[in-house]
C-alpha cells in the first residue's frame, strides 16, 4: 500500500488502472536481470487502486482462513514461491 501511495503522489494522479510505475526500482524488467531484488519486490507494485483492492480482498477472504489451517510459515512459503514463479 505504501509503495502504491508513493507512486500515486509521484505521478500526481490516481486512476482505477494506474499509475503503473514503469521506471520503479521494484518493477521487473528483462534488461535489468542482474538486479536480483526485482524478483522479490515487484510484488509491491500495483497497477491501480482496483488491482490493489482486489489483491487485498483475496488475501483477506482466502489468505486468513488458509493461514489459520496451515500456519504462517507454509502460507508465506507458497506466497513467496508464487512471487518467484
PDB file of N, CA and C in Angstrom:
ATOM      1  N   UNK A   1       0.836  -1.181   0.000  1.00  0.00           N
ATOM      2  CA  UNK A   1       0.000   0.000   0.000  1.00  0.00           C
ATOM      3  C   UNK A   1       0.879   1.241   0.000  1.00  0.00           C
ATOM      4  N   UNK A   2       1.957   1.181   0.781  1.00  0.00           N
ATOM      5  CA  UNK A   2       2.860   2.325   0.869  1.00  0.00           C
ATOM      6  C   UNK A   2       3.501   2.671  -0.465  1.00  0.00           C
ATOM      7  N   UNK A   3       3.950   1.659  -1.202  1.00  0.00           N
ATOM      8  CA  UNK A   3       4.580   1.941  -2.499  1.00  0.00           C
ATOM      9  C   UNK A   3       3.548   2.461  -3.497  1.00  0.00           C
ATOM     10  N   UNK A   4       2.299   1.979  -3.404  1.00  0.00           N
ATOM     11  CA  UNK A   4       1.243   2.474  -4.290  1.00  0.00           C
ATOM     12  C   UNK A   4       0.975   3.954  -4.023  1.00  0.00           C
ATOM     13  N   UNK A   5       0.873   4.332  -2.754  1.00  0.00           N
ATOM     14  CA  UNK A   5       0.645   5.737  -2.399  1.00  0.00           C
ATOM     15  C   UNK A   5       1.808   6.595  -2.881  1.00  0.00           C
ATOM     16  N   UNK A   6       3.027   6.105  -2.680  1.00  0.00           N
ATOM     17  CA  UNK A   6       4.206   6.850  -3.134  1.00  0.00           C
ATOM     18  C   UNK A   6       4.147   7.099  -4.638  1.00  0.00           C
ATOM     19  N   UNK A   7       3.829   6.071  -5.425  1.00  0.00           N
ATOM     20  CA  UNK A   7       3.806   6.226  -6.876  1.00  0.00           C
ATOM     21  C   UNK A   7       2.637   7.093  -7.334  1.00  0.00           C
ATOM     22  N   UNK A   8       1.533   7.087  -6.611  1.00  0.00           N
ATOM     23  CA  UNK A   8       0.425   7.988  -6.944  1.00  0.00           C
ATOM     24  C   UNK A   8       0.823   9.438  -6.712  1.00  0.00           C
ATOM     25  N   UNK A   9       1.497   9.703  -5.602  1.00  0.00           N
ATOM     26  CA  UNK A   9       1.956  11.060  -5.311  1.00  0.00           C
ATOM     27  C   UNK A   9       3.012  11.479  -6.327  1.00  0.00           C
ATOM     28  N   UNK A  10       3.922  10.567  -6.654  1.00  0.00           N
ATOM     29  CA  UNK A  10       4.988  10.863  -7.611  1.00  0.00           C
ATOM     30  C   UNK A  10       4.421  11.179  -8.991  1.00  0.00           C
ATOM     31  N   UNK A  11       3.422  10.423  -9.431  1.00  0.00           N
ATOM     32  CA  UNK A  11       2.820  10.641 -10.747  1.00  0.00           C
ATOM     33  C   UNK A  11       1.804  11.779 -10.729  1.00  0.00           C
ATOM     34  N   UNK A  12       1.304  12.122  -9.547  1.00  0.00           N
ATOM     35  CA  UNK A  12       0.323  13.187  -9.442  1.00  0.00           C
ATOM     36  C   UNK A  12      -1.063  12.790  -9.904  1.00  0.00           C
ATOM     37  N   UNK A  13      -1.361  11.500  -9.889  1.00  0.00           N
ATOM     38  CA  UNK A  13      -2.674  11.043 -10.334  1.00  0.00           C
ATOM     39  C   UNK A  13      -3.028   9.711  -9.681  1.00  0.00           C
ATOM     40  N   UNK A  14      -4.334   9.484  -9.570  1.00  0.00           N
ATOM     41  CA  UNK A  14      -4.844   8.198  -9.100  1.00  0.00           C
ATOM     42  C   UNK A  14      -5.970   7.814 -10.050  1.00  0.00           C
ATOM     43  N   UNK A  15      -5.819   6.682 -10.706  1.00  0.00           N
ATOM     44  CA  UNK A  15      -6.842   6.184 -11.624  1.00  0.00           C
ATOM     45  C   UNK A  15      -7.139   4.742 -11.271  1.00  0.00           C
ATOM     46  N   UNK A  16      -8.269   4.206 -11.719  1.00  0.00           N
ATOM     47  CA  UNK A  16      -8.557   2.793 -11.445  1.00  0.00           C
ATOM     48  C   UNK A  16      -7.500   1.850 -12.009  1.00  0.00           C
ATOM     49  N   UNK A  17      -6.857   2.235 -13.093  1.00  0.00           N
ATOM     50  CA  UNK A  17      -5.867   1.359 -13.715  1.00  0.00           C
ATOM     51  C   UNK A  17      -4.465   1.971 -13.733  1.00  0.00           C
ATOM     52  N   UNK A  18      -4.167   2.809 -12.795  1.00  0.00           N
ATOM     53  CA  UNK A  18      -2.834   3.390 -12.795  1.00  0.00           C
ATOM     54  C   UNK A  18      -2.634   4.322 -11.626  1.00  0.00           C
ATOM     55  N   UNK A  19      -1.523   4.917 -11.502  1.00  0.00           N
ATOM     56  CA  UNK A  19      -0.397   4.884 -12.427  1.00  0.00           C
ATOM     57  C   UNK A  19       0.408   3.594 -12.294  1.00  0.00           C
ATOM     58  N   UNK A  20       0.922   3.120 -13.408  1.00  0.00           N
ATOM     59  CA  UNK A  20       1.807   1.954 -13.403  1.00  0.00           C
ATOM     60  C   UNK A  20       3.237   2.488 -13.411  1.00  0.00           C
ATOM     61  N   UNK A  21       3.969   2.272 -12.341  1.00  0.00           N
ATOM     62  CA  UNK A  21       5.311   2.859 -12.213  1.00  0.00           C
ATOM     63  C   UNK A  21       6.350   2.079 -13.017  1.00  0.00           C
ATOM     64  N   UNK A  22       6.412   2.321 -14.297  1.00  0.00           N
ATOM     65  CA  UNK A  22       7.297   1.553 -15.176  1.00  0.00           C
ATOM     66  C   UNK A  22       8.776   1.776 -14.877  1.00  0.00           C
ATOM     67  N   UNK A  23       9.128   2.901 -14.293  1.00  0.00           N
ATOM     68  CA  UNK A  23      10.534   3.184 -14.001  1.00  0.00           C
ATOM     69  C   UNK A  23      10.891   2.925 -12.545  1.00  0.00           C
ATOM     70  N   UNK A  24      10.048   2.222 -11.837  1.00  0.00           N
ATOM     71  CA  UNK A  24      10.299   1.926 -10.430  1.00  0.00           C
ATOM     72  C   UNK A  24      11.482   0.977 -10.274  1.00  0.00           C
ATOM     73  N   UNK A  25      12.184   1.114  -9.161  1.00  0.00           N
ATOM     74  CA  UNK A  25      13.269   0.183  -8.848  1.00  0.00           C
ATOM     75  C   UNK A  25      12.743  -1.202  -8.527  1.00  0.00           C
ATOM     76  N   UNK A  26      11.441  -1.326  -8.262  1.00  0.00           N
ATOM     77  CA  UNK A  26      10.867  -2.599  -7.857  1.00  0.00           C
ATOM     78  C   UNK A  26      10.305  -3.416  -9.012  1.00  0.00           C
ATOM     79  N   UNK A  27       9.959  -2.784 -10.119  1.00  0.00           N
ATOM     80  CA  UNK A  27       9.283  -3.500 -11.195  1.00  0.00           C
ATOM     81  C   UNK A  27      10.275  -4.380 -11.959  1.00  0.00           C
ATOM     82  N   UNK A  28       9.796  -5.545 -12.392  1.00  0.00           N
ATOM     83  CA  UNK A  28      10.666  -6.464 -13.140  1.00  0.00           C
ATOM     84  C   UNK A  28      10.850  -5.957 -14.558  1.00  0.00           C
ATOM     85  N   UNK A  29      12.092  -5.904 -14.990  1.00  0.00           N
ATOM     86  CA  UNK A  29      12.421  -5.532 -16.366  1.00  0.00           C
ATOM     87  C   UNK A  29      13.467  -6.508 -16.884  1.00  0.00           C
ATOM     88  N   UNK A  30      13.239  -7.124 -18.057  1.00  0.00           N
ATOM     89  CA  UNK A  30      14.200  -8.099 -18.585  1.00  0.00           C
ATOM     90  C   UNK A  30      15.595  -7.525 -18.799  1.00  0.00           C
ATOM     91  N   UNK A  31      15.692  -6.229 -19.085  1.00  0.00           N
ATOM     92  CA  UNK A  31      17.015  -5.643 -19.302  1.00  0.00           C
ATOM     93  C   UNK A  31      17.772  -5.398 -17.996  1.00  0.00           C
ATOM     94  N   UNK A  32      17.131  -5.645 -16.857  1.00  0.00           N
ATOM     95  CA  UNK A  32      17.758  -5.459 -15.541  1.00  0.00           C
ATOM     96  C   UNK A  32      17.815  -6.780 -14.777  1.00  0.00           C
ATOM     97  N   UNK A  33      18.085  -7.879 -15.465  1.00  0.00           N
ATOM     98  CA  UNK A  33      18.065  -9.212 -14.848  1.00  0.00           C
ATOM     99  C   UNK A  33      19.060  -9.378 -13.710  1.00  0.00           C
ATOM    100  N   UNK A  34      20.146  -8.661 -13.739  1.00  0.00           N
ATOM    101  CA  UNK A  34      21.167  -8.818 -12.703  1.00  0.00           C
ATOM    102  C   UNK A  34      20.789  -8.133 -11.392  1.00  0.00           C
ATOM    103  N   UNK A  35      19.763  -7.321 -11.401  1.00  0.00           N
ATOM    104  CA  UNK A  35      19.283  -6.670 -10.181  1.00  0.00           C
ATOM    105  C   UNK A  35      18.285  -7.619  -9.516  1.00  0.00           C
ATOM    106  N   UNK A  36      18.816  -8.518  -8.697  1.00  0.00           N
ATOM    107  CA  UNK A  36      18.036  -9.640  -8.162  1.00  0.00           C
ATOM    108  C   UNK A  36      16.884  -9.219  -7.264  1.00  0.00           C
ATOM    109  N   UNK A  37      16.963  -8.048  -6.618  1.00  0.00           N
ATOM    110  CA  UNK A  37      15.869  -7.628  -5.744  1.00  0.00           C
ATOM    111  C   UNK A  37      14.566  -7.446  -6.515  1.00  0.00           C
ATOM    112  N   UNK A  38      14.651  -7.213  -7.816  1.00  0.00           N
ATOM    113  CA  UNK A  38      13.439  -7.023  -8.616  1.00  0.00           C
ATOM    114  C   UNK A  38      12.574  -8.278  -8.644  1.00  0.00           C
ATOM    115  N   UNK A  39      13.179  -9.455  -8.508  1.00  0.00           N
ATOM    116  CA  UNK A  39      12.412 -10.705  -8.499  1.00  0.00           C
ATOM    117  C   UNK A  39      11.536 -10.811  -7.253  1.00  0.00           C
ATOM    118  N   UNK A  40      11.946 -10.194  -6.155  1.00  0.00           N
ATOM    119  CA  UNK A  40      11.203 -10.275  -4.903  1.00  0.00           C
ATOM    120  C   UNK A  40      10.276  -9.082  -4.696  1.00  0.00           C
ATOM    121  N   UNK A  41      10.719  -7.894  -5.045  1.00  0.00           N
ATOM    122  CA  UNK A  41       9.990  -6.694  -4.671  1.00  0.00           C
ATOM    123  C   UNK A  41       8.960  -6.234  -5.689  1.00  0.00           C
ATOM    124  N   UNK A  42       8.892  -6.881  -6.866  1.00  0.00           N
ATOM    125  CA  UNK A  42       7.850  -6.451  -7.796  1.00  0.00           C
ATOM    126  C   UNK A  42       6.462  -6.795  -7.262  1.00  0.00           C
ATOM    127  N   UNK A  43       6.388  -7.645  -6.235  1.00  0.00           N
ATOM    128  CA  UNK A  43       5.092  -7.953  -5.625  1.00  0.00           C
ATOM    129  C   UNK A  43       4.510  -6.731  -4.915  1.00  0.00           C
ATOM    130  N   UNK A  44       5.316  -5.696  -4.694  1.00  0.00           N
ATOM    131  CA  UNK A  44       4.834  -4.486  -4.041  1.00  0.00           C
ATOM    132  C   UNK A  44       4.199  -3.502  -5.014  1.00  0.00           C
ATOM    133  N   UNK A  45       4.331  -3.747  -6.304  1.00  0.00           N
ATOM    134  CA  UNK A  45       3.822  -2.833  -7.323  1.00  0.00           C
ATOM    135  C   UNK A  45       2.397  -3.241  -7.699  1.00  0.00           C
ATOM    136  N   UNK A  46       1.508  -2.249  -7.775  1.00  0.00           N
ATOM    137  CA  UNK A  46       0.115  -2.499  -8.152  1.00  0.00           C
ATOM    138  C   UNK A  46      -0.272  -1.573  -9.290  1.00  0.00           C
ATOM    139  N   UNK A  47      -1.052  -2.092 -10.216  1.00  0.00           N
ATOM    140  CA  UNK A  47      -1.471  -1.339 -11.398  1.00  0.00           C
ATOM    141  C   UNK A  47      -2.820  -0.683 -11.152  1.00  0.00           C
ATOM    142  N   UNK A  48      -2.883   0.221 -10.210  1.00  0.00           N
ATOM    143  CA  UNK A  48      -4.109   0.950  -9.936  1.00  0.00           C
ATOM    144  C   UNK A  48      -4.785   0.504  -8.655  1.00  0.00           C
ATOM    145  N   UNK A  49      -5.734   1.326  -8.204  1.00  0.00           N
ATOM    146  CA  UNK A  49      -6.391   1.035  -6.928  1.00  0.00           C
ATOM    147  C   UNK A  49      -7.326  -0.160  -7.031  1.00  0.00           C
ATOM    148  N   UNK A  50      -7.867  -0.445  -8.220  1.00  0.00           N
ATOM    149  CA  UNK A  50      -8.732  -1.620  -8.376  1.00  0.00           C
ATOM    150  C   UNK A  50      -7.906  -2.893  -8.177  1.00  0.00           C
ATOM    151  N   UNK A  51      -6.728  -2.938  -8.759  1.00  0.00           N
ATOM    152  CA  UNK A  51      -5.821  -4.074  -8.608  1.00  0.00           C
ATOM    153  C   UNK A  51      -5.429  -4.250  -7.141  1.00  0.00           C
ATOM    154  N   UNK A  52      -5.080  -3.162  -6.486  1.00  0.00           N
ATOM    155  CA  UNK A  52      -4.710  -3.205  -5.071  1.00  0.00           C
ATOM    156  C   UNK A  52      -5.877  -3.686  -4.212  1.00  0.00           C
ATOM    157  N   UNK A  53      -7.079  -3.174  -4.475  1.00  0.00           N
ATOM    158  CA  UNK A  53      -8.259  -3.554  -3.698  1.00  0.00           C
ATOM    159  C   UNK A  53      -8.549  -5.050  -3.819  1.00  0.00           C
ATOM    160  N   UNK A  54      -8.544  -5.576  -5.042  1.00  0.00           N
ATOM    161  CA  UNK A  54      -8.858  -6.995  -5.212  1.00  0.00           C
ATOM    162  C   UNK A  54      -7.761  -7.902  -4.670  1.00  0.00           C
ATOM    163  N   UNK A  55      -6.504  -7.472  -4.748  1.00  0.00           N
ATOM    164  CA  UNK A  55      -5.438  -8.251  -4.112  1.00  0.00           C
ATOM    165  C   UNK A  55      -5.662  -8.339  -2.605  1.00  0.00           C
ATOM    166  N   UNK A  56      -6.003  -7.214  -1.993  1.00  0.00           N
ATOM    167  CA  UNK A  56      -6.232  -7.206  -0.545  1.00  0.00           C
ATOM    168  C   UNK A  56      -7.475  -8.013  -0.184  1.00  0.00           C
ATOM    169  N   UNK A  57      -8.528  -7.919  -0.993  1.00  0.00           N
ATOM    170  CA  UNK A  57      -9.754  -8.661  -0.734  1.00  0.00           C
ATOM    171  C   UNK A  57      -9.508 -10.169  -0.768  1.00  0.00           C
ATOM    172  N   UNK A  58      -8.781 -10.632  -1.774  1.00  0.00           N
ATOM    173  CA  UNK A  58      -8.483 -12.064  -1.879  1.00  0.00           C
ATOM    174  C   UNK A  58      -7.602 -12.512  -0.723  1.00  0.00           C
ATOM    175  N   UNK A  59      -6.636 -11.688  -0.340  1.00  0.00           N
ATOM    176  CA  UNK A  59      -5.774 -12.067   0.782  1.00  0.00           C
ATOM    177  C   UNK A  59      -6.562 -12.168   2.082  1.00  0.00           C
ATOM    178  N   UNK A  60      -7.552 -11.316   2.265  1.00  0.00           N
ATOM    179  CA  UNK A  60      -8.363 -11.378   3.485  1.00  0.00           C
ATOM    180  C   UNK A  60      -9.322 -12.568   3.439  1.00  0.00           C
ATOM    181  N   UNK A  61     -10.022 -12.752   2.317  1.00  0.00           N
ATOM    182  CA  UNK A  61     -11.037 -13.804   2.235  1.00  0.00           C
ATOM    183  C   UNK A  61     -10.455 -15.200   2.091  1.00  0.00           C
ATOM    184  N   UNK A  62      -9.313 -15.323   1.435  1.00  0.00           N
ATOM    185  CA  UNK A  62      -8.709 -16.635   1.210  1.00  0.00           C
ATOM    186  C   UNK A  62      -7.492 -16.848   2.098  1.00  0.00           C
ATOM    187  N   UNK A  63      -6.653 -15.829   2.194  1.00  0.00           N
ATOM    188  CA  UNK A  63      -5.391 -15.969   2.913  1.00  0.00           C
ATOM    189  C   UNK A  63      -5.525 -16.211   4.400  1.00  0.00           C
ATOM    190  N   UNK A  64      -6.415 -15.499   5.061  1.00  0.00           N
ATOM    191  CA  UNK A  64      -6.563 -15.660   6.514  1.00  0.00           C
ATOM    192  C   UNK A  64      -7.065 -17.054   6.876  1.00  0.00           C
ATOM    193  N   UNK A  65      -8.126 -17.576   6.224  1.00  0.00           N
ATOM    194  CA  UNK A  65      -8.527 -18.953   6.549  1.00  0.00           C
ATOM    195  C   UNK A  65      -7.434 -19.984   6.256  1.00  0.00           C
ATOM    196  N   UNK A  66      -6.713 -19.822   5.153  1.00  0.00           N
ATOM    197  CA  UNK A  66      -5.617 -20.745   4.852  1.00  0.00           C
ATOM    198  C   UNK A  66      -4.522 -20.664   5.908  1.00  0.00           C
ATOM    199  N   UNK A  67      -4.215 -19.463   6.345  1.00  0.00           N
ATOM    200  CA  UNK A  67      -3.181 -19.287   7.364  1.00  0.00           C
ATOM    201  C   UNK A  67      -3.606 -19.897   8.695  1.00  0.00           C
ATOM    202  N   UNK A  68      -4.877 -19.830   9.013  1.00  0.00           N
ATOM    203  CA  UNK A  68      -5.369 -20.426  10.259  1.00  0.00           C
ATOM    204  C   UNK A  68      -5.242 -21.947  10.229  1.00  0.00           C
ATOM    205  N   UNK A  69      -5.399 -22.553   9.062  1.00  0.00           N
ATOM    206  CA  UNK A  69      -5.318 -24.006   8.937  1.00  0.00           C
ATOM    207  C   UNK A  69      -3.875 -24.478   8.794  1.00  0.00           C
ATOM    208  N   UNK A  70      -3.106 -23.813   7.929  1.00  0.00           N
ATOM    209  CA  UNK A  70      -1.778 -24.307   7.570  1.00  0.00           C
ATOM    210  C   UNK A  70      -0.627 -23.588   8.265  1.00  0.00           C
ATOM    211  N   UNK A  71      -0.884 -22.466   8.885  1.00  0.00           N
ATOM    212  CA  UNK A  71       0.175 -21.732   9.576  1.00  0.00           C
ATOM    213  C   UNK A  71       0.837 -20.682   8.696  1.00  0.00           C
ATOM    214  N   UNK A  72       1.444 -19.711   9.353  1.00  0.00           N
ATOM    215  CA  UNK A  72       2.044 -18.576   8.648  1.00  0.00           C
ATOM    216  C   UNK A  72       3.227 -18.983   7.783  1.00  0.00           C
ATOM    217  N   UNK A  73       4.070 -19.880   8.285  1.00  0.00           N
ATOM    218  CA  UNK A  73       5.275 -20.247   7.548  1.00  0.00           C
ATOM    219  C   UNK A  73       4.937 -20.908   6.214  1.00  0.00           C
ATOM    220  N   UNK A  74       4.015 -21.851   6.225  1.00  0.00           N
ATOM    221  CA  UNK A  74       3.652 -22.552   4.985  1.00  0.00           C
ATOM    222  C   UNK A  74       3.008 -21.609   3.969  1.00  0.00           C
ATOM    223  N   UNK A  75       2.110 -20.763   4.433  1.00  0.00           N
ATOM    224  CA  UNK A  75       1.445 -19.828   3.525  1.00  0.00           C
ATOM    225  C   UNK A  75       2.446 -18.812   2.994  1.00  0.00           C
ATOM    226  N   UNK A  76       3.346 -18.351   3.851  1.00  0.00           N
ATOM    227  CA  UNK A  76       4.389 -17.427   3.401  1.00  0.00           C
ATOM    228  C   UNK A  76       5.293 -18.045   2.355  1.00  0.00           C
ATOM    229  N   UNK A  77       5.634 -19.319   2.528  1.00  0.00           N
ATOM    230  CA  UNK A  77       6.482 -20.011   1.552  1.00  0.00           C
ATOM    231  C   UNK A  77       5.768 -20.157   0.211  1.00  0.00           C
ATOM    232  N   UNK A  78       4.490 -20.495   0.237  1.00  0.00           N
ATOM    233  CA  UNK A  78       3.720 -20.622  -1.007  1.00  0.00           C
ATOM    234  C   UNK A  78       3.577 -19.258  -1.682  1.00  0.00           C
ATOM    235  N   UNK A  79       3.336 -18.224  -0.899  1.00  0.00           N
ATOM    236  CA  UNK A  79       3.205 -16.866  -1.436  1.00  0.00           C
ATOM    237  C   UNK A  79       4.502 -16.429  -2.108  1.00  0.00           C
ATOM    238  N   UNK A  80       5.630 -16.651  -1.436  1.00  0.00           N
ATOM    239  CA  UNK A  80       6.925 -16.277  -1.997  1.00  0.00           C
ATOM    240  C   UNK A  80       7.242 -17.102  -3.245  1.00  0.00           C
ATOM    241  N   UNK A  81       6.877 -18.369  -3.249  1.00  0.00           N
ATOM    242  CA  UNK A  81       7.082 -19.195  -4.442  1.00  0.00           C
ATOM    243  C   UNK A  81       6.264 -18.656  -5.616  1.00  0.00           C
ATOM    244  N   UNK A  82       5.061 -18.178  -5.335  1.00  0.00           N
ATOM    245  CA  UNK A  82       4.245 -17.575  -6.385  1.00  0.00           C
ATOM    246  C   UNK A  82       4.850 -16.295  -6.925  1.00  0.00           C
ATOM    247  N   UNK A  83       5.485 -15.525  -6.062  1.00  0.00           N
ATOM    248  CA  UNK A  83       6.149 -14.300  -6.495  1.00  0.00           C
ATOM    249  C   UNK A  83       7.321 -14.629  -7.410  1.00  0.00           C
ATOM    250  N   UNK A  84       8.072 -15.650  -7.064  1.00  0.00           N
ATOM    251  CA  UNK A  84       9.264 -16.002  -7.838  1.00  0.00           C
ATOM    252  C   UNK A  84       8.948 -16.750  -9.125  1.00  0.00           C
ATOM    253  N   UNK A  85       7.738 -17.315  -9.219  1.00  0.00           N
ATOM    254  CA  UNK A  85       7.393 -18.137 -10.396  1.00  0.00           C
ATOM    255  C   UNK A  85       7.225 -17.323 -11.648  1.00  0.00           C
TER     256      UNK A  85
END
